[in-house]
Every structure is written in C-alpha cells, then in structure tokens.
Protein backbone atom coordinates (compact mmCIF):
# COMPACT_ATOMS: atom_id res chain seq x y z
CA MET A 1 -0.17 0.07 0.18
CA GLY A 2 2.63 2.67 0.99
CA LEU A 3 4.64 1.66 -2.19
CA PHE A 4 1.27 2.44 -4.54
CA ALA A 5 0.67 5.73 -2.61
CA GLU A 6 4.18 6.95 -2.88
CA ALA A 7 3.64 5.83 -6.64
CA LEU A 8 0.22 7.80 -6.66
CA ARG A 9 1.61 11.01 -4.68
CA ALA A 10 4.76 11.28 -7.67
CA LYS A 11 1.75 11.90 -10.17
CA SER A 12 -0.67 13.51 -8.29
CA ARG A 13 1.54 16.86 -8.26
CA GLY A 14 -0.56 20.17 -8.37
CA ASP A 15 -4.14 18.01 -7.70
CA GLU A 16 -4.53 19.12 -3.82
CA GLU A 17 -7.47 16.33 -3.80
CA VAL A 18 -5.33 13.50 -4.66
CA THR A 19 -2.63 14.39 -2.39
CA HIS A 20 -4.96 14.41 0.11
CA LEU A 21 -6.33 11.27 -0.34
CA VAL A 22 -2.62 10.13 -0.51
CA ASN A 23 -1.86 11.59 3.00
CA SER A 24 -4.78 9.89 4.40
CA ILE A 25 -3.97 6.49 3.29
CA ASN A 26 -0.10 7.25 4.19
CA SER A 27 -1.42 7.98 7.83
CA SER A 28 -3.36 4.82 7.94
CA VAL A 29 -0.34 2.47 6.55
CA ASP A 30 1.81 3.70 9.03
CA ALA A 31 -0.72 3.20 11.93
CA LEU A 32 -0.94 -0.25 10.67
CA GLU A 33 3.06 -0.30 10.30
CA GLY A 34 3.14 0.66 13.75
CA LEU A 35 0.62 -1.78 14.91
CA PHE A 36 2.83 -4.74 13.17
CA SER A 37 6.26 -3.55 14.56
CA GLU A 38 4.87 -3.14 18.34
CA LEU A 39 3.06 -6.35 18.06
CA LEU A 40 6.50 -7.98 16.81
CA ASP A 41 8.16 -6.30 19.03
CA ILE A 42 6.31 -7.72 22.13
CA THR A 43 6.56 -11.75 20.57
CA LYS A 44 10.27 -10.98 20.01
CA ILE A 45 11.13 -10.00 23.86
CA ASP A 46 8.65 -12.25 25.48
CA THR A 47 10.44 -15.16 23.14
CA GLY A 48 13.56 -14.17 24.32
CA GLY A 49 14.93 -13.11 20.66
CA VAL A 50 16.53 -9.44 22.46
CA ASP A 51 20.03 -9.91 23.90
CA PRO A 52 20.80 -6.88 25.90
CA ARG A 53 23.93 -5.96 24.90
CA PRO A 54 25.53 -3.27 28.02
CA GLU A 55 28.42 -1.18 27.63
CA HIS A 56 29.81 2.07 29.03
CA PHE A 57 28.01 5.26 26.98
CA ALA A 58 27.34 8.51 27.72
CA LEU A 59 23.17 9.26 27.16
CA ARG A 60 24.42 12.57 25.00
CA ASP A 61 23.84 11.08 21.52
CA VAL A 62 20.40 9.44 22.90
CA PHE A 63 18.92 12.74 23.94
CA GLN A 64 20.22 14.47 20.75
CA ARG A 65 18.91 12.05 18.68
CA LEU A 66 15.30 12.32 20.94
CA LYS A 67 15.69 16.15 20.65
CA LEU A 68 16.38 15.96 16.62
CA GLN A 69 13.21 13.43 16.01
CA CYS A 70 10.86 14.67 18.46
CA GLU A 71 10.95 18.52 19.15
CA PRO A 72 9.55 19.41 15.93
CA THR A 73 6.05 17.56 17.05
CA ALA A 74 6.05 19.25 21.03
CA PHE A 75 6.99 22.86 19.41
CA GLU A 76 3.56 22.23 16.88
CA LYS A 77 1.69 21.20 20.09
CA GLY A 78 3.02 24.66 21.48
CA LEU A 79 5.20 22.34 24.21
CA ALA A 80 8.75 23.44 25.75
CA LEU A 81 11.22 20.20 25.32
CA ARG A 82 14.17 20.54 27.54
CA PHE A 83 17.09 18.23 27.93
CA ARG A 84 19.52 17.93 31.37
CA GLY A 85 22.27 15.52 32.44
CA GLY A 86 23.54 14.35 29.15
CA ASP A 87 27.22 14.25 30.19
CA LEU A 88 26.35 11.39 32.49
CA PRO A 89 27.63 7.92 31.67
CA VAL A 90 25.13 5.02 32.26
CA PHE A 91 26.03 1.51 31.77
CA GLY A 92 23.50 -0.48 29.50
CA ASP A 93 22.09 -1.35 26.03
CA PRO A 94 22.39 1.90 23.98
CA VAL A 95 19.78 0.33 21.43
CA LEU A 96 17.49 -0.31 24.32
CA ILE A 97 17.52 3.00 26.90
CA ASP A 98 16.93 4.78 23.60
CA ARG A 99 13.57 3.05 22.84
CA ILE A 100 12.52 3.29 26.37
CA VAL A 101 12.84 6.56 26.75
CA ARG A 102 11.66 7.34 22.85
CA ASN A 103 8.71 5.66 24.14
CA LEU A 104 8.36 7.59 27.27
CA LEU A 105 8.64 10.58 25.52
CA SER A 106 6.03 9.64 22.70
CA ASN A 107 3.26 9.67 25.35
CA ALA A 108 4.66 12.72 27.57
CA ILE A 109 4.24 14.69 24.63
CA ARG A 110 0.82 12.82 23.19
CA TYR A 111 -0.83 13.51 26.38
CA THR A 112 0.47 16.95 27.19
CA GLU A 113 -1.46 19.89 26.10
CA ASP A 114 0.40 22.62 27.79
CA GLY A 115 2.87 22.99 29.47
CA GLY A 116 6.42 21.29 28.78
CA ILE A 117 8.34 18.04 29.03
CA LEU A 118 11.93 17.54 30.71
CA VAL A 119 13.88 14.44 29.65
CA SER A 120 16.52 14.47 32.49
CA ALA A 121 19.10 12.57 33.71
CA ARG A 122 20.66 12.43 37.99
CA ARG A 123 23.57 10.60 39.67
CA ARG A 124 21.81 9.20 42.91
CA GLY A 125 25.05 7.26 44.32
CA PRO A 126 26.33 4.21 42.04
CA GLN A 127 22.96 4.80 39.93
CA VAL A 128 21.79 7.61 37.42
CA GLN A 129 18.34 8.34 37.31
CA VAL A 130 16.82 8.68 33.94
CA GLN A 131 13.22 10.77 34.13
CA VAL A 132 10.97 12.04 31.56
CA TRP A 133 8.31 14.68 33.22
CA ASP A 134 5.87 16.31 31.92
CA THR A 135 3.16 18.73 32.69
CA GLY A 136 -0.01 16.14 30.83
CA LEU A 137 -3.13 15.12 31.86
CA GLY A 138 -1.40 12.71 35.05
CA ILE A 139 -2.99 9.34 35.56
CA ALA A 140 -5.71 8.41 38.01
CA PRO A 141 -4.11 5.99 40.77
CA ALA A 142 -6.91 3.33 40.08
CA GLU A 143 -4.88 3.54 36.67
CA GLN A 144 -1.72 3.57 37.16
CA SER A 145 -1.24 -0.64 38.35
CA ARG A 146 -2.73 -1.19 34.61
CA ILE A 147 -1.12 1.49 32.05
CA PHE A 148 1.76 -1.16 31.45
CA GLU A 149 -0.78 -3.62 30.49
CA GLU A 150 -0.79 -4.45 26.46
CA PHE A 151 -3.60 -2.33 24.78
CA TYR A 152 -4.64 -0.57 27.96
CA GLN A 153 -4.69 3.08 27.33
CA VAL A 154 -5.75 6.27 30.45
CA GLN A 155 -9.14 6.90 29.77
CA ALA A 156 -9.86 10.29 28.71
CA HIS A 157 -11.55 12.57 31.38
CA ALA A 158 -11.28 16.13 29.83
CA PRO A 159 -12.48 17.21 26.48
CA LEU A 160 -9.40 18.65 25.02
CA GLN A 161 -8.49 14.96 24.91
CA ALA A 162 -11.69 14.24 22.56
CA ASN A 163 -9.88 14.56 19.27
CA GLN A 164 -6.30 13.73 20.64
CA SER A 165 -5.11 10.94 18.54
CA LYS A 166 -4.45 8.15 21.00
CA GLY A 167 -1.67 5.36 21.04
CA LEU A 168 -2.12 2.00 20.80
CA GLY A 169 -1.78 0.77 23.78
CA LEU A 170 1.61 -1.42 23.75
CA GLY A 171 4.02 1.41 24.91
CA LEU A 172 4.37 1.10 27.93
CA ALA A 173 4.10 -2.60 27.62
CA ILE A 174 7.08 -2.97 25.41
CA VAL A 175 9.15 -0.18 28.22
CA GLN A 176 8.15 -2.14 30.62
CA ARG A 177 9.80 -5.89 29.04
CA LEU A 178 12.63 -3.57 28.13
CA ALA A 179 13.69 -2.22 31.44
CA ARG A 180 12.81 -5.81 33.10
CA LEU A 181 15.40 -7.43 30.40
CA GLN A 182 18.16 -5.33 31.74
CA ASP A 183 17.10 -5.40 35.14
CA ALA A 184 16.81 -1.94 35.84
CA PRO A 185 14.19 -0.63 38.20
CA LEU A 186 11.15 1.55 36.46
CA ALA A 187 8.63 3.76 38.37
CA LEU A 188 5.93 5.89 38.34
CA ALA A 189 4.96 8.95 39.99
CA SER A 190 1.41 10.66 38.66
CA VAL A 191 -0.57 13.90 40.00
CA PRO A 192 -4.32 13.84 37.89
CA GLY A 193 -4.32 17.12 35.89
CA ARG A 194 -0.50 18.15 37.17
CA GLY A 195 1.55 15.68 35.61
CA THR A 196 3.39 13.00 35.65
CA VAL A 197 6.69 11.96 35.75
CA PHE A 198 8.82 8.36 34.56
CA THR A 199 12.23 7.04 36.15
CA LEU A 200 14.37 4.44 34.95
CA THR A 201 17.12 3.81 37.27
CA LEU A 202 20.29 2.25 35.45
CA PRO A 203 24.02 1.45 36.97
CA LEU A 204 26.52 4.64 36.68
CA GLY A 205 29.44 3.97 33.86
CA LYS A 206 32.56 5.16 33.19
CA PRO A 207 33.08 7.81 30.88
CA PRO A 208 33.43 6.24 27.44
CA ARG A 209 36.24 5.93 25.09
CA PRO A 210 36.17 8.77 22.33
CA HIS A 211 35.24 7.69 18.79
CA PRO A 212 37.04 8.88 16.18
CA LEU A 213 34.73 11.05 13.82
CA ALA A 214 33.55 9.75 11.12
CA PRO A 215 33.47 11.53 7.61
CA ALA A 216 30.09 12.62 6.84
CA ALA A 217 27.49 10.67 5.14
CA ARG A 218 25.88 11.82 1.76
CA LYS A 219 22.73 12.95 1.95
CA PRO A 220 19.98 11.97 -0.04
CA GLY A 221 17.48 14.25 -1.57
CA LEU A 222 14.33 13.89 -1.58
CA GLY A 223 13.71 14.27 -4.66
CA LEU A 224 16.01 10.52 -5.44
CA THR A 225 16.55 10.19 -9.22
CA LEU A 226 17.83 7.01 -10.55
CA GLU A 227 18.16 7.92 -14.43
CA ARG A 228 20.35 5.61 -16.20
CA ARG A 229 20.36 3.16 -13.38
CA GLU A 230 19.56 -0.70 -13.82
CA ILE A 231 17.68 -2.11 -11.01
CA LEU A 232 17.07 -5.77 -10.24
CA VAL A 233 14.11 -6.59 -7.92
CA VAL A 234 13.27 -10.54 -7.07
CA GLU A 235 9.87 -10.93 -5.22
CA ASP A 236 7.69 -13.73 -5.41
CA GLU A 237 4.39 -11.95 -4.20
CA PRO A 238 3.04 -9.82 -7.51
CA ALA A 239 1.67 -6.72 -5.64
CA VAL A 240 5.03 -6.37 -3.64
CA ARG A 241 7.05 -7.03 -7.19
CA GLU A 242 4.10 -4.58 -8.96
CA GLY A 243 4.55 -1.68 -6.23
CA LEU A 244 8.56 -1.79 -6.36
CA VAL A 245 8.61 -1.73 -10.14
CA VAL A 246 6.06 1.62 -10.28
CA LEU A 247 7.72 3.50 -7.80
CA LEU A 248 11.68 2.65 -9.30
CA LYS A 249 10.57 3.68 -12.42
CA GLY A 250 8.52 6.80 -11.23
CA TRP A 251 12.13 7.68 -9.77
CA GLY A 252 13.65 7.14 -13.18
CA ALA A 253 15.26 3.85 -12.86
CA THR A 254 15.30 0.81 -15.36
CA VAL A 255 13.75 -2.22 -13.63
CA HIS A 256 14.11 -6.02 -14.25
CA ALA A 257 11.66 -8.20 -12.04
CA PHE A 258 11.88 -11.32 -11.42
CA GLU A 259 9.57 -13.98 -9.77
CA SER A 260 12.14 -16.26 -8.83
CA VAL A 261 15.64 -17.20 -8.19
CA GLU A 262 15.39 -19.31 -11.37
CA ALA A 263 14.06 -16.52 -13.36
CA VAL A 264 17.07 -14.22 -12.55
CA GLU A 265 19.71 -16.92 -13.33
CA ALA A 266 17.93 -17.87 -16.73
CA TRP A 267 18.04 -13.70 -17.24
CA ALA A 268 21.48 -13.53 -15.86
CA ARG A 269 23.04 -16.10 -18.60
CA GLY A 270 22.31 -14.32 -21.60
CA GLU A 271 24.84 -11.63 -20.38
CA PRO A 272 23.04 -8.53 -19.97
CA PRO A 273 24.73 -5.20 -18.91
CA ALA A 274 25.51 -5.52 -15.27
CA PRO A 275 22.82 -4.03 -13.23
CA ASP A 276 23.74 -1.23 -10.52
CA LEU A 277 21.80 -2.57 -7.54
CA ALA A 278 19.76 -6.16 -6.67
CA ILE A 279 16.91 -5.74 -4.34
CA VAL A 280 15.95 -9.27 -3.47
CA ASP A 281 13.22 -11.21 -1.45
CA TYR A 282 14.31 -13.17 1.27
CA ARG A 283 11.43 -16.63 1.17
CA LEU A 284 11.36 -17.16 -2.57
CA PRO A 285 9.48 -19.83 -4.46
CA ASN A 286 10.85 -23.54 -4.51
CA GLY A 287 12.21 -23.14 -1.06
CA ARG A 288 14.98 -21.51 -2.47
CA THR A 289 15.86 -17.65 -0.69
CA GLY A 290 17.29 -14.38 -1.73
CA THR A 291 20.70 -15.06 -0.62
CA GLU A 292 20.72 -17.89 -3.42
CA ALA A 293 19.63 -15.56 -5.58
CA LEU A 294 22.49 -12.39 -4.31
CA LYS A 295 24.88 -15.74 -4.68
CA SER A 296 23.78 -16.60 -8.86
CA LEU A 297 23.94 -12.99 -9.42
CA ARG A 298 27.43 -11.65 -8.32
CA THR A 299 28.57 -14.91 -10.02
CA ALA A 300 27.10 -13.35 -13.17
CA PHE A 301 28.07 -9.37 -12.25
CA GLY A 302 30.70 -9.64 -10.07
CA SER A 303 31.43 -10.08 -5.96
CA THR A 304 30.79 -5.96 -5.75
CA LEU A 305 27.40 -5.64 -6.99
CA PRO A 306 25.49 -3.87 -4.32
CA ALA A 307 22.51 -5.60 -2.68
CA ILE A 308 19.40 -4.87 -0.63
CA LEU A 309 17.94 -8.19 1.08
CA VAL A 310 14.23 -7.97 2.30
CA THR A 311 12.49 -9.74 4.72
CA GLY A 312 9.37 -10.41 6.75
CA SER A 313 11.28 -10.88 9.76
CA THR A 314 12.13 -8.60 12.89
CA MET A 315 13.34 -12.19 13.99
CA SER A 316 15.31 -13.73 11.15
CA GLY A 317 19.12 -13.50 12.29
CA HIS A 318 20.49 -12.32 8.78
CA GLU A 319 22.82 -9.55 10.48
CA GLU A 320 25.94 -11.28 10.91
CA GLU A 321 25.38 -12.97 7.18
CA ALA A 322 24.48 -9.01 5.97
CA SER A 323 27.75 -8.37 7.30
CA ARG A 324 29.75 -11.03 6.20
CA ASP A 325 28.20 -11.03 2.53
CA ASP A 326 28.23 -7.11 2.04
CA PHE A 327 24.34 -6.43 1.69
CA HIS A 328 21.86 -4.26 3.98
CA LEU A 329 18.80 -5.66 5.58
CA LEU A 330 15.14 -3.84 4.87
CA ILE A 331 12.02 -5.20 6.90
CA LYS A 332 8.52 -5.47 5.36
CA PRO A 333 6.39 -3.57 4.91
CA VAL A 334 8.82 -1.76 2.96
CA ALA A 335 8.33 2.33 3.69
CA PRO A 336 9.07 4.40 0.39
CA ASN A 337 11.39 6.49 2.19
CA LYS A 338 13.22 3.98 4.10
CA LEU A 339 13.58 2.29 0.33
CA ARG A 340 14.64 5.80 -1.12
CA ALA A 341 17.01 5.95 1.82
CA MET A 342 18.68 2.80 1.71
CA ILE A 343 19.11 2.86 -2.25
CA ALA A 344 20.62 6.50 -2.06
CA PHE A 345 22.98 4.63 0.20
CA LYS A 346 23.83 1.51 -1.68
CA LEU A 347 24.79 3.54 -5.21
CA GLY A 348 26.32 6.91 -3.50
CA VAL A 349 29.39 4.63 -1.90
CA ARG A 350 29.77 1.90 -4.63
C-alpha cells in the first residue's frame, strides 16, 4: 500500500484532492505498520529474541537523537521540550535505552496539551536516574497499576482529549519488558491534572572512549533520481513486486523484475549489462532464498554488486550474514522513504 501510494503521489503533483487522499492512505499505512511493529517487538522480547548488549556510554547521543526527532512534534503542540544531564555516563544497552526513553517521551507529548516536557538524567550515588517529566493530564491512582498492560489506554477525562490521536496501548508494555531485560527498575509517579514522571534507574557508567569522527555521509535529496540506473527486483509476491517496479520507474530507473531464483538466473545467463543494484526478497518459491539469488547474481556480475535483502521478519537473524556478504537488510513492509534512503546510500558509496 505504501509503495503504490507513494507512486500515486508522484503522479498527482498539483492536484490537491488526490494529494490529500494519498496523505490519508499513508497515515493509515503508518498506523498499521506501527501496530505490526509493536506486536512483533513484544513477541520478540517474550520469546527471548532480544539479547541486551550493555556498554558504557554517555546519554548525550540518545538525548540528541530524541531532540531532533521529537522537538518538531512538541513545537507543533506549543510545548517546551528540554533535556538535562546528557553528559552522565551509564552502563546499559544503548539501543534498548533509546527505545525506552523514546516511548516515554512520545507518550508525554501525546498526553500533554499545555506546559512542557523535561528529559533528565541525575546521579544518585552509584546509579543514574533517567526521568521523563510532563505537565499533562496525569494518571489516576486506580489506573497506574494497569498502564503497563497490553492495549490498555488511559481513559480521557477532559474535553481536550476528545480529538487527540490515541496510541496503541503497547508502548508502555514494551517499555516495561525492555527495562526488565536490563534489570533496570522503572517507577511511576503521577498527580491527576498536574503531570507524570517516569524514572528509569541505571548503573552509573564509565566515561566512554572518544570515537574518531566518521566522514560525513552523503545526504540523499528528497528528489532522488535513478536515471540511467538499472535495478533488479526479485520478489514472488505480485503486489509487492509491482509496487516496487512502479515506484522505482517513477524515480527514473530501468527495472528488471523476476519472481524466482530460477527466472533471474536464466536472465543472467543471457549476459545482459551489469545492474547497478539488486533488491531481493528472502523467501522465494521452490524453497529458494534471496541469498541464493544474490550469490548467483554476483557470480554473473561481480562480487561487488550492491544488494538489499528484503525480509518480513525482525527475528530473521540475517545480521551476521549481511555483514559477511556485504548486503543491507530492509524489513517489510517496505516504506518508500526507507527504501529511497537505502538506495541512495548503496549507490552513493559505490
């Protein structure tokens, strides 16, 4: 749906009514993707698929990312968003901690209409308290014991909540599970009508070693053009394959699309010009896989052929394989903006 909607947007320039409809479709797709992603996250955590990798790091990087991503939303609602204490080092998994604070911050913005939000870190002896404060509607005492349940949402008690977009009721369930994985206590204090504070307690860390500055990555423009680029698509699901073809052609690419490993191998035996990029689905007909397709293509066109492997599972375990065989992973559903950014990256470094 997202691929087709983005292709339709490109063809509807100047038509405000069509653009509005496309935006509505994309909003619905985003909501569906959010629900699926959070359900997958909970499943992955509950089945032991998340393995914390603690390290010493300063909270500064986490706070900076969250500020860049959440400040526009807070500003749009007229809320002040502040961060304090980012220089403090902690010991924990930076990815999981980022996810915890991100969910807490998103909730704070969603349920706050006036005032502001503070994300802070404070040292308390051998520990650091990471806190998210808001001046929102607060949580009634009777509800405080239930907010970490799946699909439970705080009930709206004020008119200002009537038109507000609700969450899915899964964010805090994920937060609690991620905190437990790291043995990090998570506490809540709230006063109805005045606000809420969540406190995540982490071990104090050692100052991290400075990392050498990496060269600035090329920033793909919004108007990505693939003119004079040839891209291979191997995807057995007709709707996804057609959506990719329509979108890539809209960006100017010449596209060669196939539904199986056998079909793309037969095409490669005809000795066509080498493609610029291969986008291959992992699960293909006849028990074959995208990695097999990629191996055949690199045998035909050279081992440096850039490649993106598309998979429908966040628990695929392909990360080591991707690192070893030099391809990147893209998780379904394929969001057009993520696909565009990854294509720009793959072609920009070759």
